[in-house]
């Protein structure tokens, strides 16, 4: 029964994408502008109208998948993992945890994040989400996933900054895993980096806290295609904090380069094209009306 539900749910994003592409003209044109501006770079071949159309439809498909994911996540089990999840590099994370060391999963708005870190949870990893949005408990929590207080650190209220920073450090010092989006547009501490041939400001606050807790920083890329999840974990890039604060820029730059590689390889997978990310911040402040959409 579960398998049938996942199969049926995998068709919904395609239907959603079709109708959104043809009916949500303003949003479609917004995506086209961003795609032409950011993805048509010196390191990327010229985009033709058909390619742009496929990317836009892919982004809409991800949005459709997000609408059904909260009903599917509670159904995840070992059989689903074996059938639908491909994981690469879990050994890197295992080695960190074997040392009783905390781990920061440095991820981005690519694929479906909630599917990714909940797949890890189903596989037995104690993952705590760093989130800027506090959701309301649904009417039927047993059937609809939501981010609970015990597995989530909510950081949307500045007045509680000391509280959540303390919890982050304590969580990492306890040898647990924290997942966060390293390409988020929020954050007071930022580092200007080259990303998709532009200079964008990446937040570094979580890196500061990781160093305080002596936690490992593990790059994490996740993709979602037609109901299948791919998890890609890389070797820790903190270098045991050998150079202290001097590692911050290098760490963020290495991750930005990795994320850029996968965005250019799978542009339809980057839902950060519509925010809230460093890319969306840059577009809003610099080039909102700079590029004409494809007709």
C-alpha atoms as a PDB file:
ATOM      1  CA  UNK A   1       0.000   0.000   0.000  1.00  0.00           C
ATOM      2  CA  UNK A   2       2.801   2.419   0.893  1.00  0.00           C
ATOM      3  CA  UNK A   3       4.575   1.656  -2.340  1.00  0.00           C
ATOM      4  CA  UNK A   4       1.405   2.420  -4.305  1.00  0.00           C
ATOM      5  CA  UNK A   5       0.960   5.743  -2.488  1.00  0.00           C
ATOM      6  CA  UNK A   6       4.541   6.794  -3.263  1.00  0.00           C
ATOM      7  CA  UNK A   7       4.036   5.763  -6.879  1.00  0.00           C
ATOM      8  CA  UNK A   8       0.840   7.772  -7.236  1.00  0.00           C
ATOM      9  CA  UNK A   9       2.371  10.766  -5.452  1.00  0.00           C
ATOM     10  CA  UNK A  10       5.299  10.777  -7.887  1.00  0.00           C
ATOM     11  CA  UNK A  11       2.871  11.680 -10.712  1.00  0.00           C
ATOM     12  CA  UNK A  12       1.420  14.724  -8.957  1.00  0.00           C
ATOM     13  CA  UNK A  13       4.528  16.956  -9.375  1.00  0.00           C
ATOM     14  CA  UNK A  14       4.460  16.347 -13.145  1.00  0.00           C
ATOM     15  CA  UNK A  15       0.806  17.352 -13.385  1.00  0.00           C
ATOM     16  CA  UNK A  16       1.422  20.353 -11.127  1.00  0.00           C
ATOM     17  CA  UNK A  17       4.383  21.419 -13.273  1.00  0.00           C
ATOM     18  CA  UNK A  18       2.362  21.229 -16.493  1.00  0.00           C
ATOM     19  CA  UNK A  19      -0.444  23.442 -15.234  1.00  0.00           C
ATOM     20  CA  UNK A  20       1.876  25.916 -13.475  1.00  0.00           C
ATOM     21  CA  UNK A  21       3.989  26.383 -16.585  1.00  0.00           C
ATOM     22  CA  UNK A  22       0.975  27.278 -18.689  1.00  0.00           C
ATOM     23  CA  UNK A  23      -1.125  29.152 -16.112  1.00  0.00           C
ATOM     24  CA  UNK A  24       1.338  30.960 -13.830  1.00  0.00           C
ATOM     25  CA  UNK A  25       2.782  33.232 -16.466  1.00  0.00           C
ATOM     26  CA  UNK A  26       4.314  35.854 -14.157  1.00  0.00           C
ATOM     27  CA  UNK A  27       6.131  33.256 -12.068  1.00  0.00           C
ATOM     28  CA  UNK A  28       7.250  31.418 -15.207  1.00  0.00           C
ATOM     29  CA  UNK A  29       8.709  34.612 -16.675  1.00  0.00           C
ATOM     30  CA  UNK A  30      10.439  35.369 -13.373  1.00  0.00           C
ATOM     31  CA  UNK A  31      12.128  31.962 -13.491  1.00  0.00           C
ATOM     32  CA  UNK A  32      13.104  32.480 -17.127  1.00  0.00           C
ATOM     33  CA  UNK A  33      14.768  35.795 -16.303  1.00  0.00           C
ATOM     34  CA  UNK A  34      16.757  34.272 -13.464  1.00  0.00           C
ATOM     35  CA  UNK A  35      17.774  31.215 -15.450  1.00  0.00           C
ATOM     36  CA  UNK A  36      19.030  33.273 -18.380  1.00  0.00           C
ATOM     37  CA  UNK A  37      20.934  35.613 -16.104  1.00  0.00           C
ATOM     38  CA  UNK A  38      22.557  33.105 -13.747  1.00  0.00           C
ATOM     39  CA  UNK A  39      22.934  29.880 -15.721  1.00  0.00           C
ATOM     40  CA  UNK A  40      24.168  31.261 -19.022  1.00  0.00           C
ATOM     41  CA  UNK A  41      27.708  31.769 -17.738  1.00  0.00           C
ATOM     42  CA  UNK A  42      31.166  31.481 -19.238  1.00  0.00           C
ATOM     43  CA  UNK A  43      31.468  27.925 -17.929  1.00  0.00           C
ATOM     44  CA  UNK A  44      28.009  26.889 -19.122  1.00  0.00           C
ATOM     45  CA  UNK A  45      26.927  26.376 -22.771  1.00  0.00           C
ATOM     46  CA  UNK A  46      24.390  28.756 -24.266  1.00  0.00           C
ATOM     47  CA  UNK A  47      20.827  28.048 -23.240  1.00  0.00           C
ATOM     48  CA  UNK A  48      18.231  27.573 -25.952  1.00  0.00           C
ATOM     49  CA  UNK A  49      14.462  28.072 -25.439  1.00  0.00           C
ATOM     50  CA  UNK A  50      13.810  24.338 -25.097  1.00  0.00           C
ATOM     51  CA  UNK A  51      16.469  23.985 -22.390  1.00  0.00           C
ATOM     52  CA  UNK A  52      15.088  26.974 -20.472  1.00  0.00           C
ATOM     53  CA  UNK A  53      11.576  25.527 -20.711  1.00  0.00           C
ATOM     54  CA  UNK A  54      12.752  22.190 -19.292  1.00  0.00           C
ATOM     55  CA  UNK A  55      14.522  23.932 -16.392  1.00  0.00           C
ATOM     56  CA  UNK A  56      11.450  26.001 -15.531  1.00  0.00           C
ATOM     57  CA  UNK A  57       9.202  22.945 -15.663  1.00  0.00           C
ATOM     58  CA  UNK A  58      11.708  21.111 -13.458  1.00  0.00           C
ATOM     59  CA  UNK A  59      11.563  23.851 -10.827  1.00  0.00           C
ATOM     60  CA  UNK A  60       7.759  23.764 -10.878  1.00  0.00           C
ATOM     61  CA  UNK A  61       7.951  19.981 -10.521  1.00  0.00           C
ATOM     62  CA  UNK A  62      10.046  20.345  -7.368  1.00  0.00           C
ATOM     63  CA  UNK A  63       7.453  22.730  -5.983  1.00  0.00           C
ATOM     64  CA  UNK A  64       4.770  20.161  -6.692  1.00  0.00           C
ATOM     65  CA  UNK A  65       6.784  17.493  -4.904  1.00  0.00           C
ATOM     66  CA  UNK A  66       7.082  19.758  -1.864  1.00  0.00           C
ATOM     67  CA  UNK A  67       3.287  19.933  -1.660  1.00  0.00           C
ATOM     68  CA  UNK A  68       2.943  16.169  -1.206  1.00  0.00           C
ATOM     69  CA  UNK A  69       6.152  15.454   0.706  1.00  0.00           C
ATOM     70  CA  UNK A  70       4.670  16.163   4.137  1.00  0.00           C
ATOM     71  CA  UNK A  71       2.214  13.315   3.645  1.00  0.00           C
ATOM     72  CA  UNK A  72       4.870  10.923   2.364  1.00  0.00           C
ATOM     73  CA  UNK A  73       7.643  11.511   4.925  1.00  0.00           C
ATOM     74  CA  UNK A  74       5.728   9.780   7.788  1.00  0.00           C
ATOM     75  CA  UNK A  75       5.513   6.697   5.525  1.00  0.00           C
ATOM     76  CA  UNK A  76       9.283   6.408   5.042  1.00  0.00           C
ATOM     77  CA  UNK A  77      10.672   3.048   6.174  1.00  0.00           C
ATOM     78  CA  UNK A  78      13.551   0.676   5.426  1.00  0.00           C
ATOM     79  CA  UNK A  79      11.822  -0.628   2.307  1.00  0.00           C
ATOM     80  CA  UNK A  80      11.476   2.888   0.935  1.00  0.00           C
ATOM     81  CA  UNK A  81      15.168   3.567   1.586  1.00  0.00           C
ATOM     82  CA  UNK A  82      16.219   0.410  -0.259  1.00  0.00           C
ATOM     83  CA  UNK A  83      13.881   1.130  -3.157  1.00  0.00           C
ATOM     84  CA  UNK A  84      14.181   4.876  -3.618  1.00  0.00           C
ATOM     85  CA  UNK A  85      17.337   6.241  -1.956  1.00  0.00           C
ATOM     86  CA  UNK A  86      20.881   6.123  -3.296  1.00  0.00           C
ATOM     87  CA  UNK A  87      23.529   7.318  -0.835  1.00  0.00           C
ATOM     88  CA  UNK A  88      27.151   8.162  -1.562  1.00  0.00           C
ATOM     89  CA  UNK A  89      29.798   9.012   1.029  1.00  0.00           C
ATOM     90  CA  UNK A  90      27.980   7.965   4.203  1.00  0.00           C
ATOM     91  CA  UNK A  91      31.305   6.611   5.411  1.00  0.00           C
ATOM     92  CA  UNK A  92      32.577  10.166   5.881  1.00  0.00           C
ATOM     93  CA  UNK A  93      29.725  10.924   8.257  1.00  0.00           C
ATOM     94  CA  UNK A  94      30.115   7.594  10.062  1.00  0.00           C
ATOM     95  CA  UNK A  95      33.795   8.267  10.783  1.00  0.00           C
ATOM     96  CA  UNK A  96      32.932  11.627  12.340  1.00  0.00           C
ATOM     97  CA  UNK A  97      30.238  10.121  14.557  1.00  0.00           C
ATOM     98  CA  UNK A  98      32.492   7.216  15.604  1.00  0.00           C
ATOM     99  CA  UNK A  99      34.796   9.820  17.166  1.00  0.00           C
ATOM    100  CA  UNK A 100      31.818  11.166  19.184  1.00  0.00           C
ATOM    101  CA  UNK A 101      32.211  14.387  17.228  1.00  0.00           C
ATOM    102  CA  UNK A 102      29.329  16.581  16.132  1.00  0.00           C
ATOM    103  CA  UNK A 103      28.700  17.107  12.437  1.00  0.00           C
ATOM    104  CA  UNK A 104      27.330  20.049  10.487  1.00  0.00           C
ATOM    105  CA  UNK A 105      25.717  18.985   7.216  1.00  0.00           C
ATOM    106  CA  UNK A 106      26.372  21.932   4.911  1.00  0.00           C
ATOM    107  CA  UNK A 107      23.591  21.739   2.336  1.00  0.00           C
ATOM    108  CA  UNK A 108      21.695  23.969  -0.094  1.00  0.00           C
ATOM    109  CA  UNK A 109      18.301  24.574  -1.668  1.00  0.00           C
ATOM    110  CA  UNK A 110      18.742  21.825  -4.238  1.00  0.00           C
ATOM    111  CA  UNK A 111      16.403  18.862  -4.651  1.00  0.00           C
ATOM    112  CA  UNK A 112      13.959  18.449  -1.737  1.00  0.00           C
ATOM    113  CA  UNK A 113      15.799  19.090   1.577  1.00  0.00           C
ATOM    114  CA  UNK A 114      13.074  17.597   3.809  1.00  0.00           C
ATOM    115  CA  UNK A 115      13.116  14.333   1.868  1.00  0.00           C
ATOM    116  CA  UNK A 116      16.901  14.240   2.186  1.00  0.00           C
ATOM    117  CA  UNK A 117      17.419  14.736   5.907  1.00  0.00           C
ATOM    118  CA  UNK A 118      14.366  12.634   6.776  1.00  0.00           C
ATOM    119  CA  UNK A 119      15.814   9.828   4.669  1.00  0.00           C
ATOM    120  CA  UNK A 120      18.920  10.063   6.868  1.00  0.00           C
ATOM    121  CA  UNK A 121      16.712   9.942   9.966  1.00  0.00           C
ATOM    122  CA  UNK A 122      14.996   6.815   8.649  1.00  0.00           C
ATOM    123  CA  UNK A 123      18.461   5.303   8.147  1.00  0.00           C
ATOM    124  CA  UNK A 124      19.176   5.841  11.849  1.00  0.00           C
ATOM    125  CA  UNK A 125      21.026   9.167  11.901  1.00  0.00           C
ATOM    126  CA  UNK A 126      20.052  11.675  14.589  1.00  0.00           C
ATOM    127  CA  UNK A 127      19.617  14.786  12.453  1.00  0.00           C
ATOM    128  CA  UNK A 128      18.537  18.122  13.933  1.00  0.00           C
ATOM    129  CA  UNK A 129      17.218  20.717  11.483  1.00  0.00           C
ATOM    130  CA  UNK A 130      18.210  24.376  11.644  1.00  0.00           C
ATOM    131  CA  UNK A 131      15.139  26.307  10.489  1.00  0.00           C
ATOM    132  CA  UNK A 132      14.056  29.917  10.274  1.00  0.00           C
ATOM    133  CA  UNK A 133      10.330  29.135  10.144  1.00  0.00           C
ATOM    134  CA  UNK A 134       8.270  27.816  13.060  1.00  0.00           C
ATOM    135  CA  UNK A 135       5.341  25.823  11.605  1.00  0.00           C
ATOM    136  CA  UNK A 136       2.008  25.209  13.285  1.00  0.00           C
ATOM    137  CA  UNK A 137       1.231  21.687  14.395  1.00  0.00           C
ATOM    138  CA  UNK A 138      -1.102  20.124  11.801  1.00  0.00           C
ATOM    139  CA  UNK A 139      -4.494  18.753  12.756  1.00  0.00           C
ATOM    140  CA  UNK A 140      -3.352  15.202  12.124  1.00  0.00           C
ATOM    141  CA  UNK A 141       0.385  15.068  12.977  1.00  0.00           C
ATOM    142  CA  UNK A 142       0.490  11.290  12.621  1.00  0.00           C
ATOM    143  CA  UNK A 143      -0.280  11.636   8.905  1.00  0.00           C
ATOM    144  CA  UNK A 144       1.358  14.951   8.044  1.00  0.00           C
ATOM    145  CA  UNK A 145       5.016  15.706   8.754  1.00  0.00           C
ATOM    146  CA  UNK A 146       6.042  18.957  10.414  1.00  0.00           C
ATOM    147  CA  UNK A 147       9.237  20.232  12.044  1.00  0.00           C
ATOM    148  CA  UNK A 148       8.956  19.404  15.752  1.00  0.00           C
ATOM    149  CA  UNK A 149      10.675  21.309  18.556  1.00  0.00           C
ATOM    150  CA  UNK A 150      12.755  18.314  19.679  1.00  0.00           C
ATOM    151  CA  UNK A 151      14.295  17.767  16.236  1.00  0.00           C
ATOM    152  CA  UNK A 152      14.482  21.385  15.092  1.00  0.00           C
ATOM    153  CA  UNK A 153      16.319  24.508  16.229  1.00  0.00           C
ATOM    154  CA  UNK A 154      14.228  27.517  15.194  1.00  0.00           C
ATOM    155  CA  UNK A 155      16.289  30.675  14.697  1.00  0.00           C
ATOM    156  CA  UNK A 156      13.718  33.154  13.405  1.00  0.00           C
ATOM    157  CA  UNK A 157      13.504  35.310  16.551  1.00  0.00           C
ATOM    158  CA  UNK A 158      16.605  37.498  17.192  1.00  0.00           C
ATOM    159  CA  UNK A 159      15.576  38.064  20.816  1.00  0.00           C
ATOM    160  CA  UNK A 160      16.308  34.402  21.527  1.00  0.00           C
ATOM    161  CA  UNK A 161      19.684  34.380  19.799  1.00  0.00           C
ATOM    162  CA  UNK A 162      21.640  33.362  22.908  1.00  0.00           C
ATOM    163  CA  UNK A 163      19.199  30.538  23.542  1.00  0.00           C
ATOM    164  CA  UNK A 164      19.382  28.942  20.130  1.00  0.00           C
ATOM    165  CA  UNK A 165      23.138  29.480  19.771  1.00  0.00           C
ATOM    166  CA  UNK A 166      23.622  27.693  23.077  1.00  0.00           C
ATOM    167  CA  UNK A 167      21.439  24.827  21.887  1.00  0.00           C
ATOM    168  CA  UNK A 168      23.354  24.558  18.609  1.00  0.00           C
ATOM    169  CA  UNK A 169      26.680  24.252  20.403  1.00  0.00           C
ATOM    170  CA  UNK A 170      25.284  21.784  22.956  1.00  0.00           C
ATOM    171  CA  UNK A 171      23.772  19.670  20.171  1.00  0.00           C
ATOM    172  CA  UNK A 172      27.081  19.465  18.322  1.00  0.00           C
ATOM    173  CA  UNK A 173      29.106  18.826  21.474  1.00  0.00           C
ATOM    174  CA  UNK A 174      26.769  15.905  22.191  1.00  0.00           C
ATOM    175  CA  UNK A 175      27.946  14.302  18.943  1.00  0.00           C
ATOM    176  CA  UNK A 176      24.758  14.930  16.973  1.00  0.00           C
ATOM    177  CA  UNK A 177      24.155  16.159  13.422  1.00  0.00           C
ATOM    178  CA  UNK A 178      22.803  19.567  12.428  1.00  0.00           C
ATOM    179  CA  UNK A 179      21.471  20.156   8.912  1.00  0.00           C
ATOM    180  CA  UNK A 180      21.363  23.684   7.521  1.00  0.00           C
ATOM    181  CA  UNK A 181      21.107  25.496   4.189  1.00  0.00           C
ATOM    182  CA  UNK A 182      24.439  27.218   3.585  1.00  0.00           C
ATOM    183  CA  UNK A 183      23.100  29.214   0.624  1.00  0.00           C
ATOM    184  CA  UNK A 184      20.364  30.939   2.637  1.00  0.00           C
ATOM    185  CA  UNK A 185      19.990  34.674   2.181  1.00  0.00           C
ATOM    186  CA  UNK A 186      19.644  35.343   5.927  1.00  0.00           C
ATOM    187  CA  UNK A 187      22.467  36.011   8.364  1.00  0.00           C
ATOM    188  CA  UNK A 188      24.353  38.982   9.755  1.00  0.00           C
ATOM    189  CA  UNK A 189      27.853  37.533   9.248  1.00  0.00           C
ATOM    190  CA  UNK A 190      28.582  36.975   5.552  1.00  0.00           C
ATOM    191  CA  UNK A 191      31.488  36.324   3.219  1.00  0.00           C
ATOM    192  CA  UNK A 192      31.535  37.665  -0.371  1.00  0.00           C
ATOM    193  CA  UNK A 193      32.300  34.794  -2.768  1.00  0.00           C
ATOM    194  CA  UNK A 194      32.263  34.078  -6.475  1.00  0.00           C
ATOM    195  CA  UNK A 195      29.120  32.093  -7.290  1.00  0.00           C
ATOM    196  CA  UNK A 196      27.780  31.565 -10.815  1.00  0.00           C
ATOM    197  CA  UNK A 197      30.196  34.263 -12.034  1.00  0.00           C
ATOM    198  CA  UNK A 198      28.870  36.860  -9.574  1.00  0.00           C
ATOM    199  CA  UNK A 199      29.972  38.007  -6.152  1.00  0.00           C
ATOM    200  CA  UNK A 200      27.364  36.904  -3.602  1.00  0.00           C
ATOM    201  CA  UNK A 201      27.338  37.072   0.178  1.00  0.00           C
ATOM    202  CA  UNK A 202      27.215  33.657   1.851  1.00  0.00           C
ATOM    203  CA  UNK A 203      26.303  33.461   5.570  1.00  0.00           C
ATOM    204  CA  UNK A 204      29.045  32.193   7.913  1.00  0.00           C
ATOM    205  CA  UNK A 205      27.348  32.267  11.318  1.00  0.00           C
ATOM    206  CA  UNK A 206      26.903  28.489  11.487  1.00  0.00           C
ATOM    207  CA  UNK A 207      30.584  27.974  10.670  1.00  0.00           C
ATOM    208  CA  UNK A 208      31.538  30.091  13.688  1.00  0.00           C
ATOM    209  CA  UNK A 209      29.377  27.899  15.940  1.00  0.00           C
ATOM    210  CA  UNK A 210      30.737  24.693  14.393  1.00  0.00           C
ATOM    211  CA  UNK A 211      34.262  25.791  15.253  1.00  0.00           C
ATOM    212  CA  UNK A 212      33.274  26.593  18.841  1.00  0.00           C
ATOM    213  CA  UNK A 213      31.872  23.065  19.186  1.00  0.00           C
ATOM    214  CA  UNK A 214      34.850  21.538  17.311  1.00  0.00           C
ATOM    215  CA  UNK A 215      32.366  19.890  14.958  1.00  0.00           C
ATOM    216  CA  UNK A 216      33.124  18.507  11.518  1.00  0.00           C
ATOM    217  CA  UNK A 217      31.693  20.300   8.473  1.00  0.00           C
ATOM    218  CA  UNK A 218      30.411  17.776   5.927  1.00  0.00           C
ATOM    219  CA  UNK A 219      29.209  19.040   2.493  1.00  0.00           C
ATOM    220  CA  UNK A 220      25.836  17.513   1.622  1.00  0.00           C
ATOM    221  CA  UNK A 221      24.194  17.572  -1.814  1.00  0.00           C
ATOM    222  CA  UNK A 222      20.779  15.983  -2.357  1.00  0.00           C
ATOM    223  CA  UNK A 223      18.770  15.528  -5.540  1.00  0.00           C
ATOM    224  CA  UNK A 224      15.163  14.466  -6.108  1.00  0.00           C
ATOM    225  CA  UNK A 225      14.043  13.080  -9.459  1.00  0.00           C
ATOM    226  CA  UNK A 226      10.824  11.221 -10.252  1.00  0.00           C
ATOM    227  CA  UNK A 227      10.410   9.923  -6.697  1.00  0.00           C
ATOM    228  CA  UNK A 228      14.065   8.910  -6.332  1.00  0.00           C
ATOM    229  CA  UNK A 229      16.453  10.538  -3.859  1.00  0.00           C
ATOM    230  CA  UNK A 230      20.214  10.822  -4.277  1.00  0.00           C
ATOM    231  CA  UNK A 231      22.290  11.737  -1.219  1.00  0.00           C
ATOM    232  CA  UNK A 232      25.896  12.838  -1.774  1.00  0.00           C
ATOM    233  CA  UNK A 233      28.123  13.431   1.257  1.00  0.00           C
ATOM    234  CA  UNK A 234      31.690  14.649   0.873  1.00  0.00           C
ATOM    235  CA  UNK A 235      34.810  14.484   3.018  1.00  0.00           C
ATOM    236  CA  UNK A 236      34.761  16.997   5.911  1.00  0.00           C
ATOM    237  CA  UNK A 237      36.207  20.357   4.852  1.00  0.00           C
ATOM    238  CA  UNK A 238      36.969  21.852   8.273  1.00  0.00           C
ATOM    239  CA  UNK A 239      40.548  20.436   8.329  1.00  0.00           C
ATOM    240  CA  UNK A 240      40.176  19.969  12.123  1.00  0.00           C
ATOM    241  CA  UNK A 241      40.096  23.777  12.402  1.00  0.00           C
ATOM    242  CA  UNK A 242      43.876  23.908  11.971  1.00  0.00           C
ATOM    243  CA  UNK A 243      43.820  27.611  11.114  1.00  0.00           C
ATOM    244  CA  UNK A 244      40.958  28.642  13.400  1.00  0.00           C
ATOM    245  CA  UNK A 245      38.946  31.563  12.068  1.00  0.00           C
ATOM    246  CA  UNK A 246      41.103  31.541   8.954  1.00  0.00           C
ATOM    247  CA  UNK A 247      39.142  28.470   7.803  1.00  0.00           C
ATOM    248  CA  UNK A 248      35.782  30.246   7.557  1.00  0.00           C
ATOM    249  CA  UNK A 249      36.161  31.756   4.103  1.00  0.00           C
ATOM    250  CA  UNK A 250      37.827  28.660   2.651  1.00  0.00           C
ATOM    251  CA  UNK A 251      35.072  26.371   3.986  1.00  0.00           C
ATOM    252  CA  UNK A 252      32.248  28.453   2.581  1.00  0.00           C
ATOM    253  CA  UNK A 253      34.098  28.931  -0.723  1.00  0.00           C
ATOM    254  CA  UNK A 254      34.645  25.169  -1.111  1.00  0.00           C
ATOM    255  CA  UNK A 255      30.973  24.475  -0.511  1.00  0.00           C
ATOM    256  CA  UNK A 256      29.880  27.238  -2.903  1.00  0.00           C
ATOM    257  CA  UNK A 257      32.055  25.707  -5.615  1.00  0.00           C
ATOM    258  CA  UNK A 258      30.554  22.245  -5.006  1.00  0.00           C
ATOM    259  CA  UNK A 259      26.997  23.580  -5.040  1.00  0.00           C
ATOM    260  CA  UNK A 260      27.689  25.551  -8.216  1.00  0.00           C
ATOM    261  CA  UNK A 261      28.956  22.393  -9.942  1.00  0.00           C
ATOM    262  CA  UNK A 262      25.743  20.510  -9.175  1.00  0.00           C
ATOM    263  CA  UNK A 263      23.515  23.470 -10.065  1.00  0.00           C
ATOM    264  CA  UNK A 264      25.094  23.742 -13.516  1.00  0.00           C
ATOM    265  CA  UNK A 265      24.867  19.966 -13.928  1.00  0.00           C
ATOM    266  CA  UNK A 266      21.248  19.797 -12.720  1.00  0.00           C
ATOM    267  CA  UNK A 267      19.840  23.353 -13.098  1.00  0.00           C
ATOM    268  CA  UNK A 268      16.248  22.120 -12.871  1.00  0.00           C
ATOM    269  CA  UNK A 269      17.034  20.815  -9.373  1.00  0.00           C
ATOM    270  CA  UNK A 270      17.896  24.164  -7.833  1.00  0.00           C
ATOM    271  CA  UNK A 271      14.724  25.401  -6.185  1.00  0.00           C
ATOM    272  CA  UNK A 272      16.828  28.224  -4.738  1.00  0.00           C
ATOM    273  CA  UNK A 273      16.205  29.959  -8.066  1.00  0.00           C
ATOM    274  CA  UNK A 274      13.079  31.465  -6.470  1.00  0.00           C
ATOM    275  CA  UNK A 275      14.532  31.958  -2.967  1.00  0.00           C
ATOM    276  CA  UNK A 276      15.093  32.588  -0.169  1.00  0.00           C
ATOM    277  CA  UNK A 277      18.767  32.289  -1.142  1.00  0.00           C
ATOM    278  CA  UNK A 278      21.873  34.347  -1.846  1.00  0.00           C
ATOM    279  CA  UNK A 279      21.000  34.043  -5.532  1.00  0.00           C
ATOM    280  CA  UNK A 280      17.506  35.438  -5.016  1.00  0.00           C
ATOM    281  CA  UNK A 281      18.878  38.278  -2.864  1.00  0.00           C
ATOM    282  CA  UNK A 282      21.361  39.201  -5.575  1.00  0.00           C
ATOM    283  CA  UNK A 283      18.705  39.133  -8.288  1.00  0.00           C
ATOM    284  CA  UNK A 284      16.280  41.253  -6.260  1.00  0.00           C
ATOM    285  CA  UNK A 285      18.831  43.940  -5.495  1.00  0.00           C
ATOM    286  CA  UNK A 286      20.729  44.079  -8.814  1.00  0.00           C
ATOM    287  CA  UNK A 287      18.972  42.735 -11.880  1.00  0.00           C
ATOM    288  CA  UNK A 288      15.263  42.235 -11.315  1.00  0.00           C
ATOM    289  CA  UNK A 289      14.353  43.839 -14.644  1.00  0.00           C
ATOM    290  CA  UNK A 290      17.630  43.332 -16.502  1.00  0.00           C
ATOM    291  CA  UNK A 291      16.824  40.353 -18.719  1.00  0.00           C
ATOM    292  CA  UNK A 292      13.876  39.832 -21.024  1.00  0.00           C
ATOM    293  CA  UNK A 293      12.121  36.443 -20.737  1.00  0.00           C
ATOM    294  CA  UNK A 294      12.070  33.993 -23.610  1.00  0.00           C
ATOM    295  CA  UNK A 295       8.875  34.163 -25.654  1.00  0.00           C
END
